[in-house]
C-alpha atoms as a PDB file:
ATOM      1  CA  UNK A   1     104.871 114.630 144.363  1.00  0.00           C
ATOM      2  CA  UNK A   2     103.073 114.599 147.718  1.00  0.00           C
ATOM      3  CA  UNK A   3     100.814 111.840 149.046  1.00  0.00           C
ATOM      4  CA  UNK A   4      97.442 113.437 148.116  1.00  0.00           C
ATOM      5  CA  UNK A   5      98.718 114.108 144.593  1.00  0.00           C
ATOM      6  CA  UNK A   6      99.805 110.482 144.213  1.00  0.00           C
ATOM      7  CA  UNK A   7      96.389 109.240 145.315  1.00  0.00           C
ATOM      8  CA  UNK A   8      94.708 111.617 142.861  1.00  0.00           C
ATOM      9  CA  UNK A   9      96.893 110.235 140.086  1.00  0.00           C
ATOM     10  CA  UNK A  10      96.027 106.651 141.014  1.00  0.00           C
ATOM     11  CA  UNK A  11      92.327 107.505 141.119  1.00  0.00           C
ATOM     12  CA  UNK A  12      92.600 108.954 137.619  1.00  0.00           C
ATOM     13  CA  UNK A  13      94.313 105.779 136.399  1.00  0.00           C
ATOM     14  CA  UNK A  14      91.726 103.478 137.965  1.00  0.00           C
ATOM     15  CA  UNK A  15      89.855 101.209 135.571  1.00  0.00           C
ATOM     16  CA  UNK A  16      86.429 100.055 136.797  1.00  0.00           C
ATOM     17  CA  UNK A  17      86.439  96.847 134.740  1.00  0.00           C
ATOM     18  CA  UNK A  18      89.960  95.984 135.836  1.00  0.00           C
ATOM     19  CA  UNK A  19      88.949  96.683 139.428  1.00  0.00           C
ATOM     20  CA  UNK A  20      86.210  94.058 139.174  1.00  0.00           C
ATOM     21  CA  UNK A  21      88.609  91.600 137.547  1.00  0.00           C
ATOM     22  CA  UNK A  22      91.254  92.123 140.241  1.00  0.00           C
ATOM     23  CA  UNK A  23      88.733  91.955 143.084  1.00  0.00           C
ATOM     24  CA  UNK A  24      87.558  88.560 141.810  1.00  0.00           C
ATOM     25  CA  UNK A  25      91.152  87.273 142.024  1.00  0.00           C
ATOM     26  CA  UNK A  26      91.651  88.735 145.508  1.00  0.00           C
ATOM     27  CA  UNK A  27      88.393  87.930 147.323  1.00  0.00           C
ATOM     28  CA  UNK A  28      89.699  88.801 150.782  1.00  0.00           C
ATOM     29  CA  UNK A  29      91.239  92.134 149.805  1.00  0.00           C
ATOM     30  CA  UNK A  30      89.272  95.362 150.140  1.00  0.00           C
ATOM     31  CA  UNK A  31      89.959  98.815 148.710  1.00  0.00           C
ATOM     32  CA  UNK A  32      91.246  97.940 145.250  1.00  0.00           C
ATOM     33  CA  UNK A  33      91.318 100.812 142.768  1.00  0.00           C
ATOM     34  CA  UNK A  34      91.915  98.790 139.625  1.00  0.00           C
ATOM     35  CA  UNK A  35      95.119 100.383 138.310  1.00  0.00           C
ATOM     36  CA  UNK A  36      96.905  98.169 135.821  1.00  0.00           C
ATOM     37  CA  UNK A  37     100.421  97.022 136.688  1.00  0.00           C
ATOM     38  CA  UNK A  38     102.185  98.753 133.741  1.00  0.00           C
ATOM     39  CA  UNK A  39     100.643 102.072 134.764  1.00  0.00           C
ATOM     40  CA  UNK A  40     101.706 101.556 138.388  1.00  0.00           C
ATOM     41  CA  UNK A  41     105.245 100.789 137.261  1.00  0.00           C
ATOM     42  CA  UNK A  42     105.301 104.002 135.237  1.00  0.00           C
ATOM     43  CA  UNK A  43     104.321 106.032 138.311  1.00  0.00           C
ATOM     44  CA  UNK A  44     106.856 104.114 140.433  1.00  0.00           C
ATOM     45  CA  UNK A  45     109.691 104.950 138.033  1.00  0.00           C
ATOM     46  CA  UNK A  46     108.798 108.637 138.254  1.00  0.00           C
ATOM     47  CA  UNK A  47     108.818 108.491 142.036  1.00  0.00           C
ATOM     48  CA  UNK A  48     112.095 106.557 142.123  1.00  0.00           C
ATOM     49  CA  UNK A  49     113.755 109.323 140.115  1.00  0.00           C
ATOM     50  CA  UNK A  50     112.732 111.901 142.715  1.00  0.00           C
ATOM     51  CA  UNK A  51     112.761 112.009 146.526  1.00  0.00           C
ATOM     52  CA  UNK A  52     111.735 108.400 146.902  1.00  0.00           C
ATOM     53  CA  UNK A  53     112.852 108.242 150.545  1.00  0.00           C
ATOM     54  CA  UNK A  54     110.336 110.952 151.444  1.00  0.00           C
ATOM     55  CA  UNK A  55     107.640 109.121 149.476  1.00  0.00           C
ATOM     56  CA  UNK A  56     108.246 105.874 151.367  1.00  0.00           C
ATOM     57  CA  UNK A  57     108.286 107.711 154.697  1.00  0.00           C
ATOM     58  CA  UNK A  58     104.884 109.332 154.126  1.00  0.00           C
ATOM     59  CA  UNK A  59     103.080 106.942 151.757  1.00  0.00           C
ATOM     60  CA  UNK A  60      99.555 105.809 152.557  1.00  0.00           C
ATOM     61  CA  UNK A  61      98.600 102.145 152.877  1.00  0.00           C
ATOM     62  CA  UNK A  62      94.871 102.594 152.343  1.00  0.00           C
ATOM     63  CA  UNK A  63      94.429 101.271 148.805  1.00  0.00           C
ATOM     64  CA  UNK A  64      96.140  98.096 147.632  1.00  0.00           C
ATOM     65  CA  UNK A  65      97.779  99.994 144.795  1.00  0.00           C
ATOM     66  CA  UNK A  66      99.298 102.480 147.252  1.00  0.00           C
ATOM     67  CA  UNK A  67     101.057  99.598 148.974  1.00  0.00           C
ATOM     68  CA  UNK A  68     102.033  97.983 145.679  1.00  0.00           C
ATOM     69  CA  UNK A  69     103.506 101.288 144.501  1.00  0.00           C
ATOM     70  CA  UNK A  70     105.805 101.412 147.522  1.00  0.00           C
ATOM     71  CA  UNK A  71     107.177  97.972 146.690  1.00  0.00           C
ATOM     72  CA  UNK A  72     107.817  98.982 143.103  1.00  0.00           C
ATOM     73  CA  UNK A  73     109.647 102.137 144.165  1.00  0.00           C
ATOM     74  CA  UNK A  74     111.908 100.055 146.413  1.00  0.00           C
ATOM     75  CA  UNK A  75     112.776  97.966 143.381  1.00  0.00           C
ATOM     76  CA  UNK A  76     113.485 100.933 141.114  1.00  0.00           C
ATOM     77  CA  UNK A  77     115.308 103.227 143.566  1.00  0.00           C
ATOM     78  CA  UNK A  78     118.993 103.882 142.971  1.00  0.00           C
ATOM     79  CA  UNK A  79     120.480 102.674 146.228  1.00  0.00           C
ATOM     80  CA  UNK A  80     123.205 100.352 147.482  1.00  0.00           C
ATOM     81  CA  UNK A  81     122.114  96.696 147.901  1.00  0.00           C
ATOM     82  CA  UNK A  82     122.501  96.678 151.673  1.00  0.00           C
ATOM     83  CA  UNK A  83     120.324  99.773 152.057  1.00  0.00           C
ATOM     84  CA  UNK A  84     117.717  98.352 149.693  1.00  0.00           C
ATOM     85  CA  UNK A  85     117.468  95.296 151.934  1.00  0.00           C
ATOM     86  CA  UNK A  86     116.599  97.589 154.852  1.00  0.00           C
ATOM     87  CA  UNK A  87     113.681  99.001 152.874  1.00  0.00           C
ATOM     88  CA  UNK A  88     112.633  95.497 151.815  1.00  0.00           C
ATOM     89  CA  UNK A  89     112.549  94.364 155.452  1.00  0.00           C
ATOM     90  CA  UNK A  90     110.389  97.367 156.361  1.00  0.00           C
ATOM     91  CA  UNK A  91     108.014  96.660 153.507  1.00  0.00           C
ATOM     92  CA  UNK A  92     107.451  92.940 154.064  1.00  0.00           C
ATOM     93  CA  UNK A  93     104.932  93.306 156.937  1.00  0.00           C
ATOM     94  CA  UNK A  94     102.718  95.389 154.626  1.00  0.00           C
ATOM     95  CA  UNK A  95     102.188  92.522 152.180  1.00  0.00           C
ATOM     96  CA  UNK A  96      98.756  90.977 152.668  1.00  0.00           C
ATOM     97  CA  UNK A  97      97.999  89.365 149.305  1.00  0.00           C
ATOM     98  CA  UNK A  98      99.693  87.399 146.555  1.00  0.00           C
ATOM     99  CA  UNK A  99      99.447  90.206 143.988  1.00  0.00           C
ATOM    100  CA  UNK A 100     101.438  92.705 146.057  1.00  0.00           C
ATOM    101  CA  UNK A 101     103.876  89.952 147.000  1.00  0.00           C
ATOM    102  CA  UNK A 102     104.552  88.725 143.488  1.00  0.00           C
ATOM    103  CA  UNK A 103     104.784  92.152 141.868  1.00  0.00           C
ATOM    104  CA  UNK A 104     107.228  93.195 144.596  1.00  0.00           C
ATOM    105  CA  UNK A 105     109.429  90.160 143.982  1.00  0.00           C
ATOM    106  CA  UNK A 106     109.428  90.704 140.228  1.00  0.00           C
ATOM    107  CA  UNK A 107     110.780  94.223 140.704  1.00  0.00           C
ATOM    108  CA  UNK A 108     113.750  93.215 142.867  1.00  0.00           C
ATOM    109  CA  UNK A 109     116.026  92.656 139.888  1.00  0.00           C
ATOM    110  CA  UNK A 110     119.060  93.826 141.851  1.00  0.00           C
ATOM    111  CA  UNK A 111     119.019  90.235 143.139  1.00  0.00           C
ATOM    112  CA  UNK A 112     120.581  89.085 139.855  1.00  0.00           C
ATOM    113  CA  UNK A 113     123.763  90.984 140.767  1.00  0.00           C
ATOM    114  CA  UNK A 114     123.668  90.221 144.501  1.00  0.00           C
ATOM    115  CA  UNK A 115     122.489  86.642 144.770  1.00  0.00           C
ATOM    116  CA  UNK A 116     124.406  85.528 147.836  1.00  0.00           C
ATOM    117  CA  UNK A 117     123.608  88.726 149.717  1.00  0.00           C
ATOM    118  CA  UNK A 118     119.870  88.348 149.047  1.00  0.00           C
ATOM    119  CA  UNK A 119     120.013  84.594 149.679  1.00  0.00           C
ATOM    120  CA  UNK A 120     121.386  85.235 153.167  1.00  0.00           C
ATOM    121  CA  UNK A 121     118.778  87.954 153.747  1.00  0.00           C
ATOM    122  CA  UNK A 122     115.935  85.568 152.901  1.00  0.00           C
ATOM    123  CA  UNK A 123     116.918  82.778 155.284  1.00  0.00           C
ATOM    124  CA  UNK A 124     115.208  83.968 158.511  1.00  0.00           C
ATOM    125  CA  UNK A 125     111.960  84.638 156.661  1.00  0.00           C
ATOM    126  CA  UNK A 126     111.509  81.005 155.663  1.00  0.00           C
ATOM    127  CA  UNK A 127     110.601  80.325 159.294  1.00  0.00           C
ATOM    128  CA  UNK A 128     108.270  83.327 159.627  1.00  0.00           C
ATOM    129  CA  UNK A 129     104.739  82.804 160.903  1.00  0.00           C
ATOM    130  CA  UNK A 130     103.500  85.433 158.429  1.00  0.00           C
ATOM    131  CA  UNK A 131     102.027  83.780 155.341  1.00  0.00           C
ATOM    132  CA  UNK A 132     103.152  86.368 152.825  1.00  0.00           C
ATOM    133  CA  UNK A 133     106.666  86.672 154.189  1.00  0.00           C
ATOM    134  CA  UNK A 134     107.113  82.967 153.521  1.00  0.00           C
ATOM    135  CA  UNK A 135     105.468  83.297 150.102  1.00  0.00           C
ATOM    136  CA  UNK A 136     107.869  86.159 149.408  1.00  0.00           C
ATOM    137  CA  UNK A 137     110.780  83.781 149.991  1.00  0.00           C
ATOM    138  CA  UNK A 138     109.347  81.076 147.730  1.00  0.00           C
ATOM    139  CA  UNK A 139     108.610  83.521 144.915  1.00  0.00           C
ATOM    140  CA  UNK A 140     112.077  85.081 145.197  1.00  0.00           C
ATOM    141  CA  UNK A 141     113.572  81.604 144.738  1.00  0.00           C
ATOM    142  CA  UNK A 142     111.295  81.055 141.763  1.00  0.00           C
ATOM    143  CA  UNK A 143     112.142  84.389 140.142  1.00  0.00           C
ATOM    144  CA  UNK A 144     115.891  84.510 140.655  1.00  0.00           C
ATOM    145  CA  UNK A 145     117.468  81.248 141.815  1.00  0.00           C
ATOM    146  CA  UNK A 146     116.385  78.409 139.542  1.00  0.00           C
ATOM    147  CA  UNK A 147     119.686  77.306 138.040  1.00  0.00           C
ATOM    148  CA  UNK A 148     122.285  74.599 138.428  1.00  0.00           C
ATOM    149  CA  UNK A 149     124.260  76.592 140.999  1.00  0.00           C
ATOM    150  CA  UNK A 150     121.344  76.831 143.429  1.00  0.00           C
ATOM    151  CA  UNK A 151     118.996  73.956 142.581  1.00  0.00           C
ATOM    152  CA  UNK A 152     119.993  71.603 145.411  1.00  0.00           C
ATOM    153  CA  UNK A 153     119.925  74.322 148.066  1.00  0.00           C
ATOM    154  CA  UNK A 154     116.716  75.755 146.616  1.00  0.00           C
ATOM    155  CA  UNK A 155     114.823  72.464 146.711  1.00  0.00           C
ATOM    156  CA  UNK A 156     116.042  71.817 150.252  1.00  0.00           C
ATOM    157  CA  UNK A 157     114.688  75.204 151.355  1.00  0.00           C
ATOM    158  CA  UNK A 158     111.332  74.625 149.673  1.00  0.00           C
ATOM    159  CA  UNK A 159     111.103  71.189 151.262  1.00  0.00           C
ATOM    160  CA  UNK A 160     111.720  72.672 154.695  1.00  0.00           C
ATOM    161  CA  UNK A 161     108.850  75.170 154.587  1.00  0.00           C
ATOM    162  CA  UNK A 162     106.233  74.248 157.178  1.00  0.00           C
ATOM    163  CA  UNK A 163     103.676  77.032 156.902  1.00  0.00           C
ATOM    164  CA  UNK A 164     100.035  75.967 156.464  1.00  0.00           C
ATOM    165  CA  UNK A 165      98.967  79.072 154.536  1.00  0.00           C
ATOM    166  CA  UNK A 166      97.276  78.380 151.211  1.00  0.00           C
ATOM    167  CA  UNK A 167      99.311  81.029 149.389  1.00  0.00           C
ATOM    168  CA  UNK A 168     102.531  79.572 150.754  1.00  0.00           C
ATOM    169  CA  UNK A 169     101.652  76.091 149.542  1.00  0.00           C
ATOM    170  CA  UNK A 170     100.697  77.395 146.102  1.00  0.00           C
ATOM    171  CA  UNK A 171     103.964  79.311 145.800  1.00  0.00           C
ATOM    172  CA  UNK A 172     106.012  76.265 146.805  1.00  0.00           C
ATOM    173  CA  UNK A 173     104.149  74.115 144.270  1.00  0.00           C
ATOM    174  CA  UNK A 174     104.679  76.757 141.596  1.00  0.00           C
ATOM    175  CA  UNK A 175     108.396  76.953 142.393  1.00  0.00           C
ATOM    176  CA  UNK A 176     108.855  73.178 142.349  1.00  0.00           C
ATOM    177  CA  UNK A 177     107.091  72.920 138.992  1.00  0.00           C
ATOM    178  CA  UNK A 178     109.270  75.701 137.559  1.00  0.00           C
ATOM    179  CA  UNK A 179     112.352  73.839 138.801  1.00  0.00           C
ATOM    180  CA  UNK A 180     111.178  70.728 136.963  1.00  0.00           C
ATOM    181  CA  UNK A 181     110.636  72.620 133.714  1.00  0.00           C
ATOM    182  CA  UNK A 182     114.128  74.143 133.824  1.00  0.00           C
ATOM    183  CA  UNK A 183     116.074  71.327 135.534  1.00  0.00           C
ATOM    184  CA  UNK A 184     114.068  68.104 135.266  1.00  0.00           C
ATOM    185  CA  UNK A 185     116.681  65.603 136.438  1.00  0.00           C
ATOM    186  CA  UNK A 186     117.482  66.993 139.911  1.00  0.00           C
ATOM    187  CA  UNK A 187     113.858  67.981 140.410  1.00  0.00           C
ATOM    188  CA  UNK A 188     112.604  64.507 139.510  1.00  0.00           C
ATOM    189  CA  UNK A 189     115.037  63.037 142.036  1.00  0.00           C
ATOM    190  CA  UNK A 190     113.598  65.443 144.585  1.00  0.00           C
ATOM    191  CA  UNK A 191     109.998  64.567 143.717  1.00  0.00           C
ATOM    192  CA  UNK A 192     110.776  60.916 144.372  1.00  0.00           C
ATOM    193  CA  UNK A 193     112.097  61.740 147.830  1.00  0.00           C
ATOM    194  CA  UNK A 194     110.606  64.780 149.570  1.00  0.00           C
ATOM    195  CA  UNK A 195     108.636  65.770 152.651  1.00  0.00           C
ATOM    196  CA  UNK A 196     106.074  68.070 151.029  1.00  0.00           C
ATOM    197  CA  UNK A 197     102.520  67.732 152.303  1.00  0.00           C
ATOM    198  CA  UNK A 198     100.166  65.953 149.902  1.00  0.00           C
ATOM    199  CA  UNK A 199      98.364  69.099 148.769  1.00  0.00           C
ATOM    200  CA  UNK A 200     101.566  70.944 147.833  1.00  0.00           C
ATOM    201  CA  UNK A 201     103.145  67.873 146.232  1.00  0.00           C
ATOM    202  CA  UNK A 202     100.086  67.076 144.105  1.00  0.00           C
ATOM    203  CA  UNK A 203      99.671  70.714 143.126  1.00  0.00           C
ATOM    204  CA  UNK A 204     103.295  70.790 141.962  1.00  0.00           C
ATOM    205  CA  UNK A 205     102.647  67.721 139.817  1.00  0.00           C
ATOM    206  CA  UNK A 206      99.527  69.339 138.386  1.00  0.00           C
ATOM    207  CA  UNK A 207     101.431  72.481 137.448  1.00  0.00           C
ATOM    208  CA  UNK A 208     104.117  70.388 135.740  1.00  0.00           C
ATOM    209  CA  UNK A 209     101.494  68.643 133.624  1.00  0.00           C
ATOM    210  CA  UNK A 210     100.035  72.026 132.661  1.00  0.00           C
ATOM    211  CA  UNK A 211     103.366  73.191 131.240  1.00  0.00           C
ATOM    212  CA  UNK A 212     103.613  73.520 127.463  1.00  0.00           C
ATOM    213  CA  UNK A 213     107.306  72.637 127.666  1.00  0.00           C
ATOM    214  CA  UNK A 214     106.955  69.181 129.235  1.00  0.00           C
ATOM    215  CA  UNK A 215     106.403  66.367 126.721  1.00  0.00           C
ATOM    216  CA  UNK A 216     103.396  64.060 126.742  1.00  0.00           C
ATOM    217  CA  UNK A 217     105.283  60.970 127.938  1.00  0.00           C
ATOM    218  CA  UNK A 218     106.765  62.839 130.886  1.00  0.00           C
ATOM    219  CA  UNK A 219     103.366  64.251 131.813  1.00  0.00           C
ATOM    220  CA  UNK A 220     101.959  60.713 131.976  1.00  0.00           C
ATOM    221  CA  UNK A 221     104.782  59.693 134.283  1.00  0.00           C
ATOM    222  CA  UNK A 222     104.168  62.732 136.480  1.00  0.00           C
ATOM    223  CA  UNK A 223     100.441  61.943 136.694  1.00  0.00           C
ATOM    224  CA  UNK A 224     101.276  58.418 137.858  1.00  0.00           C
ATOM    225  CA  UNK A 225     103.239  59.865 140.782  1.00  0.00           C
ATOM    226  CA  UNK A 226     100.210  61.552 142.356  1.00  0.00           C
ATOM    227  CA  UNK A 227      99.581  60.744 145.993  1.00  0.00           C
ATOM    228  CA  UNK A 228      96.162  59.441 147.019  1.00  0.00           C
END
C-alpha cells in the first residue's frame, strides 16, 4: 500500500463530527482528519503485516492521523526489541500533541516483556527539552511500570522531572495519581515528601480524589494535603 493510497483510505475513514470533537481537545493542532482510533489501529495492523519498513521510510507527516499511524505500526511490527527501539527513537521527534503521544505509548506492549531494556532506553529522555519526549517517558511509566518492583524508582524519576510544559506536568500528575490508586502506601509516603511544583502536586491530588477506587475518608485526607 503506497503513501497516496494510505491517505485516500484515511480520508474515506474520516468522520466530520469526530474531527470537530478531536479538534476541540487539541486546540493547537491543525490538519486533523477525524479518524477514530480503532479504525487507525485496524489500518496499522494491515500495514504491519506487510512491508512496514517501506511505509515508515516514505510515510507523510501532513495529517495528525498519518503521524499517529506510524507510531501504531511501530508498535505492531514484528521486530526484535532492540530494532524497535531504533524506530521509537526516530519517531519521538514527530510527536507534537498528547493524543499521538499517548496512543503511541499504549501500543508499545513489547515493553511488558522487555522492561529493563525499555527502562534504560527511556532514561536520557527524562532530561529532554522537548515537551512530548518527556511526556512520553511519564506515560510509559504510567502504562507499564506501576508495580511493587518499580514503584520507588518510578516515583524518584517522576519527582526529578523539571520540564515546565503543561502536558508534562499533567502526565506526571496523572502518573502519580495512578501510583496512589494501585500502591497507596508508598505513594502516600512520597506525597508527604516530594519536590513536585505546586501545580503538578495539587493536580495529582485532584486526580486521586476523582478516582472511583479511592474511599471517601482517604479522599478527605488527600484534599487536606493541598498546597496553598
